[in-house]
Amino acid sequence: MAISSRETQVLSQLAYLYLLQGYAERALVIYASLRALEPKVVRHLRGLALACSRADQHEKALAALDQLALQGAVDAPFYSLRARVLTDLGRHAEARAAMRTCVQLKTGKPPALASTATARIARS
């Protein structure tokens, strides 16, 4: 069943509103449906990863993030969400590495320089 781009947009916005209001499970269902209808749309997969994370389905969130990485859709928000999911799974070393990459992408500095700057600020 094909739906129009307007209908897809409305469903995507509804899923986002559900996330904002704390109804992660409902958002998850909508994003999964959108993903099934339009598997190549990165926005749906990113929303699915976020909804899974907020619905405490961390393994599914990590799987969605892995799919995003395979599609090349990695940026600072991707690594921030990945760090959160890995932390929730108790994989702290991987979470630290993901957060370092997030900081590097946001600041444009290598992680060593970013952590040195943070250390300087902490000593001040």
N, C-alpha and C. Protein backbone atom coordinates (compact mmCIF):
# COMPACT_ATOMS: atom_id res chain seq x y z
N MET A 1 0.85 -1.18 0.00
CA MET A 1 0.00 0.00 0.00
C MET A 1 0.89 1.23 0.00
N ALA A 2 0.72 2.08 -0.96
CA ALA A 2 1.50 3.30 -1.06
C ALA A 2 0.71 4.45 -0.43
N ILE A 3 1.45 5.31 0.25
CA ILE A 3 0.82 6.51 0.81
C ILE A 3 1.56 7.72 0.25
N SER A 4 0.88 8.84 0.28
CA SER A 4 1.47 10.06 -0.30
C SER A 4 2.57 10.61 0.61
N SER A 5 3.37 11.48 0.05
CA SER A 5 4.45 12.09 0.83
C SER A 5 3.88 12.96 1.95
N ARG A 6 2.73 13.56 1.70
CA ARG A 6 2.07 14.38 2.74
C ARG A 6 1.65 13.50 3.92
N GLU A 7 1.09 12.34 3.62
CA GLU A 7 0.68 11.41 4.68
C GLU A 7 1.90 10.90 5.46
N THR A 8 2.97 10.65 4.74
CA THR A 8 4.20 10.21 5.39
C THR A 8 4.72 11.30 6.33
N GLN A 9 4.68 12.52 5.86
CA GLN A 9 5.13 13.66 6.67
C GLN A 9 4.27 13.81 7.93
N VAL A 10 2.98 13.67 7.79
CA VAL A 10 2.08 13.79 8.95
C VAL A 10 2.35 12.67 9.96
N LEU A 11 2.53 11.47 9.47
CA LEU A 11 2.83 10.35 10.38
C LEU A 11 4.17 10.56 11.09
N SER A 12 5.14 11.06 10.36
CA SER A 12 6.45 11.33 10.97
C SER A 12 6.34 12.39 12.06
N GLN A 13 5.57 13.44 11.80
CA GLN A 13 5.37 14.48 12.81
C GLN A 13 4.59 13.96 14.01
N LEU A 14 3.62 13.10 13.76
CA LEU A 14 2.85 12.50 14.85
C LEU A 14 3.77 11.65 15.73
N ALA A 15 4.63 10.86 15.11
CA ALA A 15 5.57 10.03 15.87
C ALA A 15 6.49 10.91 16.72
N TYR A 16 6.96 12.00 16.16
CA TYR A 16 7.83 12.91 16.91
C TYR A 16 7.08 13.53 18.09
N LEU A 17 5.84 13.90 17.87
CA LEU A 17 5.03 14.45 18.97
C LEU A 17 4.83 13.41 20.07
N TYR A 18 4.60 12.17 19.68
CA TYR A 18 4.49 11.10 20.68
C TYR A 18 5.78 11.00 21.50
N LEU A 19 6.93 11.10 20.83
CA LEU A 19 8.20 11.06 21.56
C LEU A 19 8.30 12.21 22.55
N LEU A 20 7.93 13.39 22.10
CA LEU A 20 8.00 14.56 22.98
C LEU A 20 7.09 14.44 24.19
N GLN A 21 5.96 13.77 24.03
CA GLN A 21 4.99 13.64 25.11
C GLN A 21 5.21 12.40 25.97
N GLY A 22 6.25 11.63 25.65
CA GLY A 22 6.58 10.48 26.48
C GLY A 22 5.90 9.17 26.08
N TYR A 23 5.36 9.12 24.89
CA TYR A 23 4.72 7.90 24.39
C TYR A 23 5.65 7.21 23.39
N ALA A 24 6.77 6.75 23.88
CA ALA A 24 7.80 6.18 23.01
C ALA A 24 7.31 4.93 22.27
N GLU A 25 6.50 4.11 22.93
CA GLU A 25 6.02 2.89 22.29
C GLU A 25 5.16 3.21 21.08
N ARG A 26 4.32 4.23 21.20
CA ARG A 26 3.47 4.62 20.07
C ARG A 26 4.32 5.16 18.93
N ALA A 27 5.31 5.98 19.28
CA ALA A 27 6.22 6.52 18.27
C ALA A 27 6.97 5.39 17.58
N LEU A 28 7.37 4.40 18.36
CA LEU A 28 8.11 3.26 17.82
C LEU A 28 7.29 2.54 16.75
N VAL A 29 6.01 2.33 17.01
CA VAL A 29 5.14 1.65 16.05
C VAL A 29 5.03 2.45 14.76
N ILE A 30 4.89 3.76 14.88
CA ILE A 30 4.76 4.59 13.69
C ILE A 30 6.07 4.61 12.90
N TYR A 31 7.19 4.80 13.58
CA TYR A 31 8.47 4.82 12.88
C TYR A 31 8.77 3.47 12.22
N ALA A 32 8.42 2.39 12.88
CA ALA A 32 8.62 1.06 12.28
C ALA A 32 7.77 0.90 11.02
N SER A 33 6.55 1.41 11.08
CA SER A 33 5.67 1.35 9.91
C SER A 33 6.21 2.20 8.77
N LEU A 34 6.66 3.40 9.11
CA LEU A 34 7.24 4.27 8.08
C LEU A 34 8.49 3.64 7.48
N ARG A 35 9.26 3.00 8.32
CA ARG A 35 10.48 2.33 7.85
C ARG A 35 10.13 1.20 6.89
N ALA A 36 9.04 0.47 7.18
CA ALA A 36 8.62 -0.61 6.29
C ALA A 36 8.13 -0.06 4.95
N LEU A 37 7.46 1.09 4.99
CA LEU A 37 6.95 1.71 3.77
C LEU A 37 8.05 2.36 2.94
N GLU A 38 9.00 2.99 3.63
CA GLU A 38 10.09 3.71 2.95
C GLU A 38 11.43 3.33 3.58
N PRO A 39 11.95 2.16 3.24
CA PRO A 39 13.16 1.66 3.92
C PRO A 39 14.42 2.48 3.67
N LYS A 40 14.46 3.29 2.65
CA LYS A 40 15.66 4.05 2.33
C LYS A 40 15.70 5.42 3.00
N VAL A 41 14.64 5.82 3.68
CA VAL A 41 14.58 7.14 4.30
C VAL A 41 15.28 7.10 5.66
N VAL A 42 16.39 7.81 5.75
CA VAL A 42 17.22 7.81 6.95
C VAL A 42 16.48 8.40 8.15
N ARG A 43 15.67 9.41 7.92
CA ARG A 43 14.95 10.08 9.00
C ARG A 43 14.08 9.10 9.79
N HIS A 44 13.45 8.16 9.09
CA HIS A 44 12.60 7.16 9.77
C HIS A 44 13.45 6.23 10.63
N LEU A 45 14.59 5.85 10.13
CA LEU A 45 15.47 4.95 10.88
C LEU A 45 16.04 5.66 12.11
N ARG A 46 16.39 6.92 11.96
CA ARG A 46 16.88 7.70 13.10
C ARG A 46 15.79 7.84 14.16
N GLY A 47 14.57 8.11 13.73
CA GLY A 47 13.44 8.20 14.66
C GLY A 47 13.17 6.87 15.34
N LEU A 48 13.30 5.79 14.58
CA LEU A 48 13.11 4.45 15.16
C LEU A 48 14.15 4.17 16.24
N ALA A 49 15.39 4.53 15.98
CA ALA A 49 16.46 4.33 16.98
C ALA A 49 16.17 5.12 18.25
N LEU A 50 15.75 6.37 18.10
CA LEU A 50 15.44 7.20 19.26
C LEU A 50 14.24 6.65 20.02
N ALA A 51 13.20 6.24 19.30
CA ALA A 51 12.01 5.68 19.96
C ALA A 51 12.35 4.39 20.69
N CYS A 52 13.15 3.54 20.09
CA CYS A 52 13.56 2.30 20.76
C CYS A 52 14.33 2.60 22.03
N SER A 53 15.20 3.58 21.96
CA SER A 53 15.99 3.96 23.14
C SER A 53 15.08 4.44 24.27
N ARG A 54 14.14 5.29 23.94
CA ARG A 54 13.24 5.82 24.97
C ARG A 54 12.23 4.80 25.47
N ALA A 55 12.00 3.76 24.68
CA ALA A 55 11.08 2.69 25.10
C ALA A 55 11.84 1.56 25.80
N ASP A 56 13.09 1.82 26.16
CA ASP A 56 13.95 0.84 26.84
C ASP A 56 14.16 -0.43 26.03
N GLN A 57 14.18 -0.31 24.74
CA GLN A 57 14.50 -1.42 23.84
C GLN A 57 15.87 -1.14 23.24
N HIS A 58 16.88 -1.19 24.10
CA HIS A 58 18.21 -0.72 23.75
C HIS A 58 18.90 -1.57 22.69
N GLU A 59 18.67 -2.87 22.70
CA GLU A 59 19.28 -3.73 21.68
C GLU A 59 18.72 -3.37 20.30
N LYS A 60 17.41 -3.12 20.22
CA LYS A 60 16.81 -2.72 18.95
C LYS A 60 17.31 -1.34 18.53
N ALA A 61 17.49 -0.45 19.50
CA ALA A 61 18.03 0.87 19.19
C ALA A 61 19.43 0.76 18.62
N LEU A 62 20.25 -0.09 19.23
CA LEU A 62 21.61 -0.29 18.75
C LEU A 62 21.62 -0.89 17.35
N ALA A 63 20.70 -1.81 17.08
CA ALA A 63 20.60 -2.40 15.74
C ALA A 63 20.22 -1.34 14.71
N ALA A 64 19.30 -0.45 15.08
CA ALA A 64 18.91 0.64 14.17
C ALA A 64 20.08 1.59 13.94
N LEU A 65 20.84 1.88 15.00
CA LEU A 65 22.01 2.74 14.85
C LEU A 65 23.06 2.09 13.96
N ASP A 66 23.22 0.79 14.08
CA ASP A 66 24.16 0.08 13.21
C ASP A 66 23.73 0.19 11.75
N GLN A 67 22.43 0.11 11.50
CA GLN A 67 21.92 0.27 10.13
C GLN A 67 22.18 1.68 9.62
N LEU A 68 22.01 2.66 10.51
CA LEU A 68 22.32 4.05 10.13
C LEU A 68 23.78 4.18 9.75
N ALA A 69 24.65 3.57 10.52
CA ALA A 69 26.08 3.64 10.23
C ALA A 69 26.39 3.00 8.88
N LEU A 70 25.74 1.90 8.58
CA LEU A 70 25.94 1.24 7.29
C LEU A 70 25.49 2.13 6.13
N GLN A 71 24.52 2.98 6.39
CA GLN A 71 24.03 3.89 5.35
C GLN A 71 24.86 5.17 5.30
N GLY A 72 25.83 5.30 6.20
CA GLY A 72 26.69 6.48 6.20
C GLY A 72 26.09 7.69 6.87
N ALA A 73 25.03 7.51 7.63
CA ALA A 73 24.34 8.63 8.28
C ALA A 73 24.88 8.83 9.69
N VAL A 74 26.18 9.09 9.79
CA VAL A 74 26.79 9.30 11.10
C VAL A 74 27.18 10.77 11.25
N ASP A 75 26.75 11.34 12.36
CA ASP A 75 27.05 12.72 12.69
C ASP A 75 27.07 12.83 14.21
N ALA A 76 27.22 14.03 14.73
CA ALA A 76 27.31 14.20 16.18
C ALA A 76 26.07 13.67 16.91
N PRO A 77 24.84 13.98 16.47
CA PRO A 77 23.67 13.41 17.16
C PRO A 77 23.64 11.89 17.13
N PHE A 78 24.11 11.30 16.05
CA PHE A 78 24.19 9.83 15.96
C PHE A 78 25.07 9.29 17.09
N TYR A 79 26.26 9.87 17.25
CA TYR A 79 27.18 9.38 18.28
C TYR A 79 26.67 9.69 19.68
N SER A 80 25.96 10.79 19.85
CA SER A 80 25.37 11.11 21.15
C SER A 80 24.33 10.06 21.54
N LEU A 81 23.45 9.72 20.60
CA LEU A 81 22.44 8.69 20.87
C LEU A 81 23.09 7.33 21.08
N ARG A 82 24.10 7.04 20.29
CA ARG A 82 24.82 5.77 20.45
C ARG A 82 25.45 5.68 21.83
N ALA A 83 26.04 6.77 22.30
CA ALA A 83 26.65 6.78 23.64
C ALA A 83 25.59 6.53 24.71
N ARG A 84 24.42 7.14 24.55
CA ARG A 84 23.34 6.95 25.53
C ARG A 84 22.87 5.49 25.56
N VAL A 85 22.70 4.92 24.39
CA VAL A 85 22.24 3.52 24.30
C VAL A 85 23.28 2.57 24.88
N LEU A 86 24.54 2.80 24.54
CA LEU A 86 25.60 1.94 25.07
C LEU A 86 25.72 2.07 26.58
N THR A 87 25.53 3.27 27.11
CA THR A 87 25.54 3.46 28.56
C THR A 87 24.41 2.69 29.21
N ASP A 88 23.23 2.76 28.61
CA ASP A 88 22.08 2.02 29.15
C ASP A 88 22.30 0.51 29.11
N LEU A 89 23.11 0.05 28.16
CA LEU A 89 23.43 -1.37 28.06
C LEU A 89 24.60 -1.77 28.96
N GLY A 90 25.20 -0.79 29.64
CA GLY A 90 26.32 -1.07 30.52
C GLY A 90 27.65 -1.21 29.80
N ARG A 91 27.72 -0.78 28.56
CA ARG A 91 28.95 -0.87 27.76
C ARG A 91 29.65 0.49 27.81
N HIS A 92 30.20 0.79 28.96
CA HIS A 92 30.70 2.14 29.25
C HIS A 92 31.93 2.54 28.43
N ALA A 93 32.84 1.63 28.17
CA ALA A 93 34.03 1.97 27.38
C ALA A 93 33.63 2.37 25.96
N GLU A 94 32.70 1.63 25.37
CA GLU A 94 32.22 1.98 24.03
C GLU A 94 31.44 3.29 24.05
N ALA A 95 30.70 3.51 25.13
CA ALA A 95 29.94 4.75 25.26
C ALA A 95 30.88 5.96 25.33
N ARG A 96 31.98 5.82 26.09
CA ARG A 96 32.96 6.91 26.17
C ARG A 96 33.56 7.21 24.80
N ALA A 97 33.88 6.16 24.06
CA ALA A 97 34.45 6.36 22.72
C ALA A 97 33.46 7.06 21.79
N ALA A 98 32.20 6.68 21.88
CA ALA A 98 31.17 7.32 21.06
C ALA A 98 31.00 8.78 21.45
N MET A 99 31.05 9.08 22.75
CA MET A 99 30.90 10.47 23.18
C MET A 99 32.12 11.30 22.77
N ARG A 100 33.30 10.70 22.82
CA ARG A 100 34.50 11.42 22.35
C ARG A 100 34.36 11.78 20.88
N THR A 101 33.86 10.85 20.09
CA THR A 101 33.65 11.12 18.67
C THR A 101 32.61 12.21 18.48
N CYS A 102 31.56 12.20 19.28
CA CYS A 102 30.54 13.24 19.22
C CYS A 102 31.15 14.61 19.50
N VAL A 103 31.96 14.69 20.55
CA VAL A 103 32.61 15.96 20.91
C VAL A 103 33.55 16.39 19.79
N GLN A 104 34.28 15.45 19.24
CA GLN A 104 35.20 15.78 18.15
C GLN A 104 34.45 16.35 16.96
N LEU A 105 33.33 15.75 16.60
CA LEU A 105 32.55 16.23 15.48
C LEU A 105 31.95 17.61 15.75
N LYS A 106 31.55 17.85 17.00
CA LYS A 106 30.96 19.15 17.35
C LYS A 106 31.99 20.27 17.42
N THR A 107 33.19 19.94 17.94
CA THR A 107 34.20 20.98 18.13
C THR A 107 35.17 21.09 16.97
N GLY A 108 35.27 20.02 16.18
CA GLY A 108 36.22 20.00 15.09
C GLY A 108 37.64 19.74 15.54
N LYS A 109 37.81 19.38 16.81
CA LYS A 109 39.13 19.10 17.35
C LYS A 109 39.26 17.61 17.60
N PRO A 110 40.49 17.10 17.50
CA PRO A 110 40.69 15.69 17.86
C PRO A 110 40.33 15.47 19.33
N PRO A 111 39.90 14.26 19.69
CA PRO A 111 39.48 13.99 21.07
C PRO A 111 40.54 14.33 22.11
N ALA A 112 41.81 14.11 21.81
CA ALA A 112 42.86 14.40 22.79
C ALA A 112 42.89 15.89 23.11
N LEU A 113 42.74 16.72 22.09
CA LEU A 113 42.73 18.17 22.32
C LEU A 113 41.48 18.59 23.07
N ALA A 114 40.36 18.00 22.72
CA ALA A 114 39.11 18.33 23.40
C ALA A 114 39.18 17.96 24.87
N SER A 115 39.75 16.79 25.18
CA SER A 115 39.83 16.38 26.58
C SER A 115 40.86 17.22 27.33
N THR A 116 41.93 17.66 26.65
CA THR A 116 42.92 18.54 27.27
C THR A 116 42.28 19.87 27.62
N ALA A 117 41.47 20.40 26.71
CA ALA A 117 40.79 21.66 26.97
C ALA A 117 39.83 21.52 28.14
N THR A 118 39.13 20.39 28.21
CA THR A 118 38.21 20.15 29.32
C THR A 118 38.98 20.08 30.63
N ALA A 119 40.12 19.42 30.62
CA ALA A 119 40.95 19.31 31.82
C ALA A 119 41.45 20.68 32.27
N ARG A 120 41.82 21.54 31.35
CA ARG A 120 42.26 22.89 31.68
C ARG A 120 41.14 23.69 32.34
N ILE A 121 39.95 23.55 31.78
CA ILE A 121 38.80 24.29 32.34
C ILE A 121 38.51 23.79 33.75
N ALA A 122 38.59 22.47 33.95
CA ALA A 122 38.31 21.89 35.26
C ALA A 122 39.32 22.36 36.30
N ARG A 123 40.58 22.57 35.90
CA ARG A 123 41.61 23.01 36.84
C ARG A 123 41.46 24.49 37.17
N SER A 124 40.84 25.26 36.30
CA SER A 124 40.72 26.70 36.53
C SER A 124 39.79 27.04 37.65
